[in-house]
Each structure stands twice: as structure tokens, then as C-alpha cells.
């Protein structure tokens, strides 16, 4: 491991530790007593994972000099929304998975009705946190909260999930597949990249950052999904921590089933290069993009 890689791994671990230290208390709030639904929600929320979305938000915030404590509510809210989507995605009426992050899925451990409520609890608590973050009526914070809601809503992640469900058993076009994944996966990766822009205030450099970070988020969202599609074919349940081969089993269109392994790999490289090019433009304008560039490479070579 080179010294540069060591610094990246250290900073990644710091960001992960930071979000992990806040999630439980942010979800439960001042009342630390929990019922079965909240217990189930915490089971999934604290089950581990890479915390890529909060990491992205912290990294962009540091690059734009936005204090971490300002973005923390948004980071926690996005991670709760992400976790709720995983709980619901695993339900028998959706993907019917029994394992997530190497552990029994929420509905397997707590029952389907409780898992459904746990997902609802995470989503609603996320919106409570976003409202609380806007209590000082700072329009920048309001716009940031609205953007998170839009990315998670019926024109964002939920629309992508709808297209996904309606496409099972069908061979869809590459164009529709791209739209599907831009919505289903990409929107909740775009939110943490763009939220810090709302919070750092106006300026010519902010406008440049918004343009390039929007492009970066679009590329990294597709790349993340293509990598997931590849791992569903090339990994194992033990390494990935969830069932593999389910996409093909339910005849779901993915970048692998549509294009094959080699072309999917080529598309992955193309999206990663696009993300890298956006960061290079920012670097040339004086932004410190070193961590984001390393994170881009990390997501390319990850094995789970």
C-alpha cells in the first residue's frame, strides 16, 4: 500500500466513523426508548455498509469549506432514506432477498409487517431531521432539504424503482435502462454530492463546482450501478453479503444481461473516466479533489 493510498483509507475510515457515531442518536432523538419497529429500523441502519453517500457529502463539504456539522443532518437523513429503500427493496413483494450485508434481511428477522413499518419509520424520521435543519429559515438549508426529498421521491429514486419492477421479465432498451439506474441508484448518490453546494453560498467558483459536480455525480451514479451488476455475476454471497445471480433469475435487465460482461466493463470504465475528468477540471481550478479522485478509483475496484 502506498502512502497516498494509506491517507485515503485513513480519511475514508474517519468519515465512516463520523457518520456511524451519529446515526443512532439522530434516529432515536431525545427519547432513547425504542419499540419493535424502531429496533428493526436500527437493526438495518446500523448493520454496517460502506456509507458511501455520507462519505461523498463529507468529502464535497470539505472541498467547498462547508462545516461538517452543517451537513451532518443531511448526511444522516440521506443514509436513513437509503436504508429504508434497502429494507423495502428486500421485501417479498419486491426482490424477496433473505440476506443483506451478510445478515438476515429486516423482514426475515422481524417479519414482513414490521420491516415495512421500519422502512416507513426511517423515511419519516429522515424528513423530520431535514425539517429541523431548516428551523432557522435559512433558504439555503431549505433548498438543500427540498433537493434531498426530490431525489428520493416519485421523480427520483421511486420512479427508478417503479421502472425496475415494471421491466422484470422484459428486455428493455439501453436508453431506458440508463434512465432507470440514473433514477434508482443515481439520484441518491447525486443528493450528497449536490447538497453541500446549496450550503456554501453563491459565487463564481460555486457555479463551476455545481456544473462539474453534477456531471461527476451522474457518472459515478451509473458507474456504481454497473459495478453492482457486475458483482451480481462475478462475486459470491459470502463476499458480497447478499444473494447473487438474482438479476438473471428474475429476468431483470441490467448492464450485464443487456450488454454482456466485457461491454459492461467497458461502460464502467467510461463512466469512471467521465467522473475523473470532471474532478480534473475542478482540480485545475484550485479545488482539492484528491480524496474524491481516490474514492472514484476505490469504487471501481471494490469487491462488494
C-alpha atoms as a PDB file:
ATOM      1  CA  UNK A   1       0.000   0.000   0.000  1.00  0.00           C
ATOM      2  CA  UNK A   2       1.457   3.361  -0.992  1.00  0.00           C
ATOM      3  CA  UNK A   3       1.458   6.319   1.375  1.00  0.00           C
ATOM      4  CA  UNK A   4      -1.221   8.049  -0.769  1.00  0.00           C
ATOM      5  CA  UNK A   5      -3.484   5.003  -0.507  1.00  0.00           C
ATOM      6  CA  UNK A   6      -2.907   4.899   3.242  1.00  0.00           C
ATOM      7  CA  UNK A   7      -4.004   8.520   3.613  1.00  0.00           C
ATOM      8  CA  UNK A   8      -7.132   7.780   1.577  1.00  0.00           C
ATOM      9  CA  UNK A   9      -8.022   4.716   3.648  1.00  0.00           C
ATOM     10  CA  UNK A  10      -7.463   6.692   6.843  1.00  0.00           C
ATOM     11  CA  UNK A  11      -9.698   9.559   5.767  1.00  0.00           C
ATOM     12  CA  UNK A  12     -12.352   7.169   4.473  1.00  0.00           C
ATOM     13  CA  UNK A  13     -12.373   5.431   7.860  1.00  0.00           C
ATOM     14  CA  UNK A  14     -12.661   8.811   9.627  1.00  0.00           C
ATOM     15  CA  UNK A  15     -15.694   9.771   7.554  1.00  0.00           C
ATOM     16  CA  UNK A  16     -17.296   6.358   8.153  1.00  0.00           C
ATOM     17  CA  UNK A  17     -16.626   6.580  11.884  1.00  0.00           C
ATOM     18  CA  UNK A  18     -18.120  10.075  11.960  1.00  0.00           C
ATOM     19  CA  UNK A  19     -21.433   9.061  10.383  1.00  0.00           C
ATOM     20  CA  UNK A  20     -21.605   5.832  12.392  1.00  0.00           C
ATOM     21  CA  UNK A  21     -21.235   7.819  15.621  1.00  0.00           C
ATOM     22  CA  UNK A  22     -24.280   9.963  14.787  1.00  0.00           C
ATOM     23  CA  UNK A  23     -26.830   7.686  13.123  1.00  0.00           C
ATOM     24  CA  UNK A  24     -28.301   6.017  16.193  1.00  0.00           C
ATOM     25  CA  UNK A  25     -28.819   9.193  18.231  1.00  0.00           C
ATOM     26  CA  UNK A  26     -30.104  11.090  15.193  1.00  0.00           C
ATOM     27  CA  UNK A  27     -32.696   8.389  14.553  1.00  0.00           C
ATOM     28  CA  UNK A  28     -33.907   7.947  18.142  1.00  0.00           C
ATOM     29  CA  UNK A  29     -33.707  11.640  19.037  1.00  0.00           C
ATOM     30  CA  UNK A  30     -34.068  12.683  22.651  1.00  0.00           C
ATOM     31  CA  UNK A  31     -36.271   9.707  23.517  1.00  0.00           C
ATOM     32  CA  UNK A  32     -33.912   6.735  23.692  1.00  0.00           C
ATOM     33  CA  UNK A  33     -36.671   4.148  24.299  1.00  0.00           C
ATOM     34  CA  UNK A  34     -37.471   2.074  21.239  1.00  0.00           C
ATOM     35  CA  UNK A  35     -40.343  -0.177  20.261  1.00  0.00           C
ATOM     36  CA  UNK A  36     -40.085  -3.175  17.952  1.00  0.00           C
ATOM     37  CA  UNK A  37     -40.414  -1.113  14.789  1.00  0.00           C
ATOM     38  CA  UNK A  38     -37.636   1.256  15.853  1.00  0.00           C
ATOM     39  CA  UNK A  39     -35.497  -1.710  16.907  1.00  0.00           C
ATOM     40  CA  UNK A  40     -35.923  -3.220  13.443  1.00  0.00           C
ATOM     41  CA  UNK A  41     -35.086   0.123  11.811  1.00  0.00           C
ATOM     42  CA  UNK A  42     -31.917   0.447  13.898  1.00  0.00           C
ATOM     43  CA  UNK A  43     -31.003  -3.166  13.080  1.00  0.00           C
ATOM     44  CA  UNK A  44     -30.815  -2.276   9.395  1.00  0.00           C
ATOM     45  CA  UNK A  45     -29.480   1.253   9.846  1.00  0.00           C
ATOM     46  CA  UNK A  46     -26.541   0.088  11.965  1.00  0.00           C
ATOM     47  CA  UNK A  47     -25.807  -3.117  10.038  1.00  0.00           C
ATOM     48  CA  UNK A  48     -22.656  -1.656   8.500  1.00  0.00           C
ATOM     49  CA  UNK A  49     -22.058  -0.889   4.881  1.00  0.00           C
ATOM     50  CA  UNK A  50     -19.639   1.427   3.116  1.00  0.00           C
ATOM     51  CA  UNK A  51     -21.569   4.628   3.970  1.00  0.00           C
ATOM     52  CA  UNK A  52     -20.661   5.937   0.513  1.00  0.00           C
ATOM     53  CA  UNK A  53     -23.395   8.575   0.494  1.00  0.00           C
ATOM     54  CA  UNK A  54     -22.373  10.329   3.739  1.00  0.00           C
ATOM     55  CA  UNK A  55     -18.730   9.934   2.741  1.00  0.00           C
ATOM     56  CA  UNK A  56     -19.439  11.727  -0.535  1.00  0.00           C
ATOM     57  CA  UNK A  57     -21.240  14.526   1.295  1.00  0.00           C
ATOM     58  CA  UNK A  58     -18.431  14.980   3.815  1.00  0.00           C
ATOM     59  CA  UNK A  59     -15.767  14.947   1.099  1.00  0.00           C
ATOM     60  CA  UNK A  60     -17.533  17.540  -1.058  1.00  0.00           C
ATOM     61  CA  UNK A  61     -18.224  19.652   2.042  1.00  0.00           C
ATOM     62  CA  UNK A  62     -14.546  19.641   2.974  1.00  0.00           C
ATOM     63  CA  UNK A  63     -13.623  20.569  -0.591  1.00  0.00           C
ATOM     64  CA  UNK A  64     -16.065  23.522  -0.517  1.00  0.00           C
ATOM     65  CA  UNK A  65     -15.209  24.527   3.088  1.00  0.00           C
ATOM     66  CA  UNK A  66     -18.721  23.765   4.379  1.00  0.00           C
ATOM     67  CA  UNK A  67     -18.587  22.804   8.085  1.00  0.00           C
ATOM     68  CA  UNK A  68     -19.322  19.140   8.697  1.00  0.00           C
ATOM     69  CA  UNK A  69     -21.775  19.945  11.483  1.00  0.00           C
ATOM     70  CA  UNK A  70     -23.877  21.907   8.968  1.00  0.00           C
ATOM     71  CA  UNK A  71     -24.193  18.967   6.581  1.00  0.00           C
ATOM     72  CA  UNK A  72     -24.461  16.258   9.252  1.00  0.00           C
ATOM     73  CA  UNK A  73     -28.300  16.299   9.423  1.00  0.00           C
ATOM     74  CA  UNK A  74     -28.462  15.926   5.645  1.00  0.00           C
ATOM     75  CA  UNK A  75     -25.913  13.103   5.683  1.00  0.00           C
ATOM     76  CA  UNK A  76     -27.873  11.214   8.331  1.00  0.00           C
ATOM     77  CA  UNK A  77     -31.158  11.808   6.512  1.00  0.00           C
ATOM     78  CA  UNK A  78     -29.763  10.505   3.208  1.00  0.00           C
ATOM     79  CA  UNK A  79     -28.388   7.382   4.893  1.00  0.00           C
ATOM     80  CA  UNK A  80     -31.755   6.736   6.564  1.00  0.00           C
ATOM     81  CA  UNK A  81     -33.543   7.141   3.228  1.00  0.00           C
ATOM     82  CA  UNK A  82     -31.027   4.762   1.642  1.00  0.00           C
ATOM     83  CA  UNK A  83     -31.591   2.191   4.408  1.00  0.00           C
ATOM     84  CA  UNK A  84     -35.372   2.428   4.139  1.00  0.00           C
ATOM     85  CA  UNK A  85     -35.061   1.785   0.391  1.00  0.00           C
ATOM     86  CA  UNK A  86     -32.972  -1.333   1.051  1.00  0.00           C
ATOM     87  CA  UNK A  87     -35.475  -2.687   3.593  1.00  0.00           C
ATOM     88  CA  UNK A  88     -38.347  -2.224   1.157  1.00  0.00           C
ATOM     89  CA  UNK A  89     -36.288  -3.494  -1.783  1.00  0.00           C
ATOM     90  CA  UNK A  90     -35.652  -6.774   0.085  1.00  0.00           C
ATOM     91  CA  UNK A  91     -39.342  -7.406   0.877  1.00  0.00           C
ATOM     92  CA  UNK A  92     -41.089 -10.449  -0.658  1.00  0.00           C
ATOM     93  CA  UNK A  93     -43.234  -8.166  -2.813  1.00  0.00           C
ATOM     94  CA  UNK A  94     -40.078  -6.640  -4.312  1.00  0.00           C
ATOM     95  CA  UNK A  95     -36.775  -8.554  -4.650  1.00  0.00           C
ATOM     96  CA  UNK A  96     -37.521 -11.073  -1.853  1.00  0.00           C
ATOM     97  CA  UNK A  97     -33.950 -11.242  -0.541  1.00  0.00           C
ATOM     98  CA  UNK A  98     -33.037 -13.053   2.669  1.00  0.00           C
ATOM     99  CA  UNK A  99     -29.548 -11.582   3.210  1.00  0.00           C
ATOM    100  CA  UNK A 100     -28.221  -8.023   3.325  1.00  0.00           C
ATOM    101  CA  UNK A 101     -24.688  -7.046   4.367  1.00  0.00           C
ATOM    102  CA  UNK A 102     -24.082 -10.627   5.461  1.00  0.00           C
ATOM    103  CA  UNK A 103     -27.036 -10.597   7.872  1.00  0.00           C
ATOM    104  CA  UNK A 104     -30.687 -11.700   7.667  1.00  0.00           C
ATOM    105  CA  UNK A 105     -32.767  -9.024   5.962  1.00  0.00           C
ATOM    106  CA  UNK A 106     -35.088  -6.978   8.123  1.00  0.00           C
ATOM    107  CA  UNK A 107     -38.259  -8.859   7.197  1.00  0.00           C
ATOM    108  CA  UNK A 108     -36.583 -12.231   7.793  1.00  0.00           C
ATOM    109  CA  UNK A 109     -35.532 -11.201  11.298  1.00  0.00           C
ATOM    110  CA  UNK A 110     -38.553  -9.131  12.327  1.00  0.00           C
ATOM    111  CA  UNK A 111     -41.419 -10.187   9.971  1.00  0.00           C
ATOM    112  CA  UNK A 112     -42.666  -8.511   6.834  1.00  0.00           C
ATOM    113  CA  UNK A 113     -45.144  -6.087   8.508  1.00  0.00           C
ATOM    114  CA  UNK A 114     -42.532  -4.838  10.996  1.00  0.00           C
ATOM    115  CA  UNK A 115     -39.950  -4.441   8.220  1.00  0.00           C
ATOM    116  CA  UNK A 116     -42.431  -2.396   6.203  1.00  0.00           C
ATOM    117  CA  UNK A 117     -43.032  -0.138   9.213  1.00  0.00           C
ATOM    118  CA  UNK A 118     -39.285   0.071   9.917  1.00  0.00           C
ATOM    119  CA  UNK A 119     -38.694   1.419   6.422  1.00  0.00           C
ATOM    120  CA  UNK A 120     -41.542   3.897   6.879  1.00  0.00           C
ATOM    121  CA  UNK A 121     -40.070   4.984  10.213  1.00  0.00           C
ATOM    122  CA  UNK A 122     -36.656   5.654   8.674  1.00  0.00           C
ATOM    123  CA  UNK A 123     -38.129   7.693   5.833  1.00  0.00           C
ATOM    124  CA  UNK A 124     -40.327   9.783   8.106  1.00  0.00           C
ATOM    125  CA  UNK A 125     -37.560  10.341  10.640  1.00  0.00           C
ATOM    126  CA  UNK A 126     -35.291  11.474   7.792  1.00  0.00           C
ATOM    127  CA  UNK A 127     -37.816  14.168   6.864  1.00  0.00           C
ATOM    128  CA  UNK A 128     -38.153  15.239  10.496  1.00  0.00           C
ATOM    129  CA  UNK A 129     -34.390  15.738  10.590  1.00  0.00           C
ATOM    130  CA  UNK A 130     -34.453  17.732   7.347  1.00  0.00           C
ATOM    131  CA  UNK A 131     -37.233  19.982   8.709  1.00  0.00           C
ATOM    132  CA  UNK A 132     -35.311  20.504  11.943  1.00  0.00           C
ATOM    133  CA  UNK A 133     -32.238  21.536   9.943  1.00  0.00           C
ATOM    134  CA  UNK A 134     -34.309  24.320   8.329  1.00  0.00           C
ATOM    135  CA  UNK A 135     -35.794  25.776  11.513  1.00  0.00           C
ATOM    136  CA  UNK A 136     -33.701  28.940  11.231  1.00  0.00           C
ATOM    137  CA  UNK A 137     -35.409  29.609   7.863  1.00  0.00           C
ATOM    138  CA  UNK A 138     -32.094  29.782   6.010  1.00  0.00           C
ATOM    139  CA  UNK A 139     -33.220  29.474   2.392  1.00  0.00           C
ATOM    140  CA  UNK A 140     -30.032  27.586   1.505  1.00  0.00           C
ATOM    141  CA  UNK A 141     -30.904  24.865   4.006  1.00  0.00           C
ATOM    142  CA  UNK A 142     -34.492  24.734   2.786  1.00  0.00           C
ATOM    143  CA  UNK A 143     -33.323  24.278  -0.812  1.00  0.00           C
ATOM    144  CA  UNK A 144     -30.892  21.543   0.259  1.00  0.00           C
ATOM    145  CA  UNK A 145     -33.651  19.677   2.117  1.00  0.00           C
ATOM    146  CA  UNK A 146     -36.014  20.041  -0.834  1.00  0.00           C
ATOM    147  CA  UNK A 147     -33.362  18.648  -3.159  1.00  0.00           C
ATOM    148  CA  UNK A 148     -32.914  15.537  -0.990  1.00  0.00           C
ATOM    149  CA  UNK A 149     -36.690  14.986  -0.987  1.00  0.00           C
ATOM    150  CA  UNK A 150     -36.843  15.398  -4.761  1.00  0.00           C
ATOM    151  CA  UNK A 151     -34.032  12.899  -5.347  1.00  0.00           C
ATOM    152  CA  UNK A 152     -35.782  10.328  -3.128  1.00  0.00           C
ATOM    153  CA  UNK A 153     -39.296  10.938  -4.428  1.00  0.00           C
ATOM    154  CA  UNK A 154     -41.633   9.988  -7.278  1.00  0.00           C
ATOM    155  CA  UNK A 155     -39.489  11.737  -9.896  1.00  0.00           C
ATOM    156  CA  UNK A 156     -36.285  10.322  -8.435  1.00  0.00           C
ATOM    157  CA  UNK A 157     -35.422   7.052  -6.714  1.00  0.00           C
ATOM    158  CA  UNK A 158     -39.026   5.841  -6.505  1.00  0.00           C
ATOM    159  CA  UNK A 159     -39.564   6.391 -10.221  1.00  0.00           C
ATOM    160  CA  UNK A 160     -36.461   4.300 -10.905  1.00  0.00           C
ATOM    161  CA  UNK A 161     -37.744   1.519  -8.665  1.00  0.00           C
ATOM    162  CA  UNK A 162     -41.102   1.622 -10.472  1.00  0.00           C
ATOM    163  CA  UNK A 163     -39.452   1.282 -13.879  1.00  0.00           C
ATOM    164  CA  UNK A 164     -37.355  -1.571 -12.481  1.00  0.00           C
ATOM    165  CA  UNK A 165     -40.395  -3.501 -11.268  1.00  0.00           C
ATOM    166  CA  UNK A 166     -42.321  -2.981 -14.490  1.00  0.00           C
ATOM    167  CA  UNK A 167     -39.310  -4.125 -16.533  1.00  0.00           C
ATOM    168  CA  UNK A 168     -38.919  -7.553 -14.934  1.00  0.00           C
ATOM    169  CA  UNK A 169     -39.176 -10.345 -17.472  1.00  0.00           C
ATOM    170  CA  UNK A 170     -38.647  -7.898 -20.336  1.00  0.00           C
ATOM    171  CA  UNK A 171     -35.655  -6.892 -22.423  1.00  0.00           C
ATOM    172  CA  UNK A 172     -35.651  -3.124 -22.244  1.00  0.00           C
ATOM    173  CA  UNK A 173     -33.629  -0.670 -24.302  1.00  0.00           C
ATOM    174  CA  UNK A 174     -30.243   0.607 -23.194  1.00  0.00           C
ATOM    175  CA  UNK A 175     -31.723   4.098 -23.043  1.00  0.00           C
ATOM    176  CA  UNK A 176     -34.479   3.046 -20.640  1.00  0.00           C
ATOM    177  CA  UNK A 177     -32.006   1.045 -18.546  1.00  0.00           C
ATOM    178  CA  UNK A 178     -29.820   4.128 -18.188  1.00  0.00           C
ATOM    179  CA  UNK A 179     -32.808   6.240 -17.122  1.00  0.00           C
ATOM    180  CA  UNK A 180     -33.862   3.519 -14.676  1.00  0.00           C
ATOM    181  CA  UNK A 181     -30.459   3.419 -12.977  1.00  0.00           C
ATOM    182  CA  UNK A 182     -29.949   7.181 -13.058  1.00  0.00           C
ATOM    183  CA  UNK A 183     -33.149   7.358 -11.030  1.00  0.00           C
ATOM    184  CA  UNK A 184     -32.996   4.255  -8.837  1.00  0.00           C
ATOM    185  CA  UNK A 185     -29.322   4.413  -7.869  1.00  0.00           C
ATOM    186  CA  UNK A 186     -28.012   7.692  -9.246  1.00  0.00           C
ATOM    187  CA  UNK A 187     -30.424  10.078  -7.531  1.00  0.00           C
ATOM    188  CA  UNK A 188     -29.409   9.060  -4.023  1.00  0.00           C
ATOM    189  CA  UNK A 189     -25.753   9.405  -4.990  1.00  0.00           C
ATOM    190  CA  UNK A 190     -26.405  12.805  -6.587  1.00  0.00           C
ATOM    191  CA  UNK A 191     -28.072  14.182  -3.444  1.00  0.00           C
ATOM    192  CA  UNK A 192     -24.994  14.017  -1.180  1.00  0.00           C
ATOM    193  CA  UNK A 193     -22.761  15.490  -3.878  1.00  0.00           C
ATOM    194  CA  UNK A 194     -25.022  18.490  -4.546  1.00  0.00           C
ATOM    195  CA  UNK A 195     -26.319  19.294  -1.032  1.00  0.00           C
ATOM    196  CA  UNK A 196     -23.042  20.997   0.053  1.00  0.00           C
ATOM    197  CA  UNK A 197     -23.305  23.346  -2.944  1.00  0.00           C
ATOM    198  CA  UNK A 198     -26.611  24.686  -1.616  1.00  0.00           C
ATOM    199  CA  UNK A 199     -24.998  25.260   1.775  1.00  0.00           C
ATOM    200  CA  UNK A 200     -21.819  27.063   0.725  1.00  0.00           C
ATOM    201  CA  UNK A 201     -23.426  30.201  -0.725  1.00  0.00           C
ATOM    202  CA  UNK A 202     -23.186  31.856  -4.150  1.00  0.00           C
ATOM    203  CA  UNK A 203     -20.024  32.678  -6.081  1.00  0.00           C
ATOM    204  CA  UNK A 204     -18.371  32.172  -9.452  1.00  0.00           C
ATOM    205  CA  UNK A 205     -16.362  29.201  -8.206  1.00  0.00           C
ATOM    206  CA  UNK A 206     -19.506  27.704  -6.699  1.00  0.00           C
ATOM    207  CA  UNK A 207     -21.198  27.832 -10.110  1.00  0.00           C
ATOM    208  CA  UNK A 208     -18.257  25.998 -11.668  1.00  0.00           C
ATOM    209  CA  UNK A 209     -18.286  23.456  -8.846  1.00  0.00           C
ATOM    210  CA  UNK A 210     -22.017  22.851  -9.299  1.00  0.00           C
ATOM    211  CA  UNK A 211     -21.631  22.171 -13.021  1.00  0.00           C
ATOM    212  CA  UNK A 212     -18.726  19.759 -12.631  1.00  0.00           C
ATOM    213  CA  UNK A 213     -20.033  18.036  -9.507  1.00  0.00           C
ATOM    214  CA  UNK A 214     -23.391  17.477 -11.218  1.00  0.00           C
ATOM    215  CA  UNK A 215     -21.556  15.745 -14.056  1.00  0.00           C
ATOM    216  CA  UNK A 216     -19.382  13.847 -11.579  1.00  0.00           C
ATOM    217  CA  UNK A 217     -22.480  12.627  -9.713  1.00  0.00           C
ATOM    218  CA  UNK A 218     -24.162  11.484 -12.929  1.00  0.00           C
ATOM    219  CA  UNK A 219     -21.123   9.444 -13.935  1.00  0.00           C
ATOM    220  CA  UNK A 220     -20.473   7.968 -10.514  1.00  0.00           C
ATOM    221  CA  UNK A 221     -24.137   7.001 -10.100  1.00  0.00           C
ATOM    222  CA  UNK A 222     -24.128   4.944 -13.283  1.00  0.00           C
ATOM    223  CA  UNK A 223     -20.681   3.530 -12.546  1.00  0.00           C
ATOM    224  CA  UNK A 224     -21.802   2.408  -9.083  1.00  0.00           C
ATOM    225  CA  UNK A 225     -24.775   0.527 -10.547  1.00  0.00           C
ATOM    226  CA  UNK A 226     -22.765  -1.066 -13.356  1.00  0.00           C
ATOM    227  CA  UNK A 227     -20.279  -2.299 -10.757  1.00  0.00           C
ATOM    228  CA  UNK A 228     -23.163  -3.765  -8.727  1.00  0.00           C
ATOM    229  CA  UNK A 229     -24.452  -5.503 -11.862  1.00  0.00           C
ATOM    230  CA  UNK A 230     -21.001  -6.979 -12.488  1.00  0.00           C
ATOM    231  CA  UNK A 231     -20.635  -8.136  -8.871  1.00  0.00           C
ATOM    232  CA  UNK A 232     -24.010  -9.880  -9.079  1.00  0.00           C
ATOM    233  CA  UNK A 233     -22.387 -12.144 -11.669  1.00  0.00           C
ATOM    234  CA  UNK A 234     -18.733 -12.310 -10.610  1.00  0.00           C
ATOM    235  CA  UNK A 235     -18.834 -12.225  -6.793  1.00  0.00           C
ATOM    236  CA  UNK A 236     -20.020 -14.691  -4.145  1.00  0.00           C
ATOM    237  CA  UNK A 237     -22.700 -14.415  -1.469  1.00  0.00           C
ATOM    238  CA  UNK A 238     -20.019 -14.645   1.225  1.00  0.00           C
ATOM    239  CA  UNK A 239     -18.040 -11.704  -0.161  1.00  0.00           C
ATOM    240  CA  UNK A 240     -20.964  -9.580  -1.330  1.00  0.00           C
ATOM    241  CA  UNK A 241     -23.063 -10.134   1.790  1.00  0.00           C
ATOM    242  CA  UNK A 242     -26.257 -10.665  -0.199  1.00  0.00           C
ATOM    243  CA  UNK A 243     -27.722 -13.060  -2.751  1.00  0.00           C
ATOM    244  CA  UNK A 244     -26.081 -13.160  -6.168  1.00  0.00           C
ATOM    245  CA  UNK A 245     -27.404 -14.162  -9.575  1.00  0.00           C
ATOM    246  CA  UNK A 246     -30.910 -12.906  -8.805  1.00  0.00           C
ATOM    247  CA  UNK A 247     -30.986 -10.457 -11.695  1.00  0.00           C
ATOM    248  CA  UNK A 248     -30.728 -13.219 -14.261  1.00  0.00           C
ATOM    249  CA  UNK A 249     -33.071 -15.478 -12.259  1.00  0.00           C
ATOM    250  CA  UNK A 250     -35.932 -12.969 -12.445  1.00  0.00           C
ATOM    251  CA  UNK A 251     -35.006 -11.899 -15.988  1.00  0.00           C
ATOM    252  CA  UNK A 252     -34.146  -8.375 -14.904  1.00  0.00           C
ATOM    253  CA  UNK A 253     -32.433  -6.105 -17.416  1.00  0.00           C
ATOM    254  CA  UNK A 254     -29.023  -4.971 -16.179  1.00  0.00           C
ATOM    255  CA  UNK A 255     -25.908  -3.652 -17.867  1.00  0.00           C
ATOM    256  CA  UNK A 256     -24.548  -7.223 -17.821  1.00  0.00           C
ATOM    257  CA  UNK A 257     -27.660  -9.013 -19.117  1.00  0.00           C
ATOM    258  CA  UNK A 258     -28.123  -6.361 -21.797  1.00  0.00           C
ATOM    259  CA  UNK A 259     -24.540  -5.882 -22.971  1.00  0.00           C
ATOM    260  CA  UNK A 260     -22.537  -8.822 -21.608  1.00  0.00           C
ATOM    261  CA  UNK A 261     -19.606  -8.791 -19.178  1.00  0.00           C
ATOM    262  CA  UNK A 262     -16.990  -7.252 -21.454  1.00  0.00           C
ATOM    263  CA  UNK A 263     -19.107  -4.358 -22.711  1.00  0.00           C
ATOM    264  CA  UNK A 264     -20.413  -3.718 -19.192  1.00  0.00           C
ATOM    265  CA  UNK A 265     -16.801  -3.489 -18.011  1.00  0.00           C
ATOM    266  CA  UNK A 266     -16.065  -1.060 -20.838  1.00  0.00           C
ATOM    267  CA  UNK A 267     -19.083   1.051 -19.899  1.00  0.00           C
ATOM    268  CA  UNK A 268     -17.924   1.065 -16.278  1.00  0.00           C
ATOM    269  CA  UNK A 269     -14.511   2.361 -17.337  1.00  0.00           C
ATOM    270  CA  UNK A 270     -16.156   5.020 -19.499  1.00  0.00           C
ATOM    271  CA  UNK A 271     -18.289   6.318 -16.624  1.00  0.00           C
ATOM    272  CA  UNK A 272     -15.337   6.306 -14.220  1.00  0.00           C
ATOM    273  CA  UNK A 273     -13.258   8.270 -16.725  1.00  0.00           C
ATOM    274  CA  UNK A 274     -16.099  10.761 -17.088  1.00  0.00           C
ATOM    275  CA  UNK A 275     -16.226  11.226 -13.314  1.00  0.00           C
ATOM    276  CA  UNK A 276     -12.455  11.624 -13.200  1.00  0.00           C
ATOM    277  CA  UNK A 277     -12.492  14.255 -15.960  1.00  0.00           C
ATOM    278  CA  UNK A 278     -14.974  16.382 -14.016  1.00  0.00           C
ATOM    279  CA  UNK A 279     -12.721  16.222 -10.979  1.00  0.00           C
ATOM    280  CA  UNK A 280      -9.667  17.152 -13.044  1.00  0.00           C
ATOM    281  CA  UNK A 281     -11.430  20.338 -14.205  1.00  0.00           C
ATOM    282  CA  UNK A 282     -12.133  21.209 -10.574  1.00  0.00           C
ATOM    283  CA  UNK A 283      -8.563  20.406  -9.569  1.00  0.00           C
ATOM    284  CA  UNK A 284      -7.245  22.705 -12.283  1.00  0.00           C
ATOM    285  CA  UNK A 285      -9.419  25.482 -10.817  1.00  0.00           C
ATOM    286  CA  UNK A 286      -7.768  25.115  -7.424  1.00  0.00           C
ATOM    287  CA  UNK A 287     -10.133  22.703  -5.677  1.00  0.00           C
ATOM    288  CA  UNK A 288      -8.602  19.878  -3.644  1.00  0.00           C
ATOM    289  CA  UNK A 289     -10.140  16.843  -5.330  1.00  0.00           C
ATOM    290  CA  UNK A 290      -7.564  14.288  -4.153  1.00  0.00           C
ATOM    291  CA  UNK A 291      -9.926  12.345  -1.883  1.00  0.00           C
ATOM    292  CA  UNK A 292     -12.760  12.315  -4.413  1.00  0.00           C
ATOM    293  CA  UNK A 293     -10.365  11.077  -7.117  1.00  0.00           C
ATOM    294  CA  UNK A 294      -9.186   8.275  -4.831  1.00  0.00           C
ATOM    295  CA  UNK A 295     -12.795   7.477  -3.911  1.00  0.00           C
ATOM    296  CA  UNK A 296     -13.635   7.255  -7.599  1.00  0.00           C
ATOM    297  CA  UNK A 297     -10.899   4.647  -8.049  1.00  0.00           C
ATOM    298  CA  UNK A 298     -11.938   2.822  -4.871  1.00  0.00           C
ATOM    299  CA  UNK A 299     -15.493   2.399  -6.170  1.00  0.00           C
ATOM    300  CA  UNK A 300     -14.084   0.996  -9.428  1.00  0.00           C
ATOM    301  CA  UNK A 301     -12.086  -1.796  -7.754  1.00  0.00           C
ATOM    302  CA  UNK A 302     -14.405  -2.610  -4.808  1.00  0.00           C
ATOM    303  CA  UNK A 303     -15.410  -6.244  -4.369  1.00  0.00           C
ATOM    304  CA  UNK A 304     -18.704  -5.654  -2.528  1.00  0.00           C
END
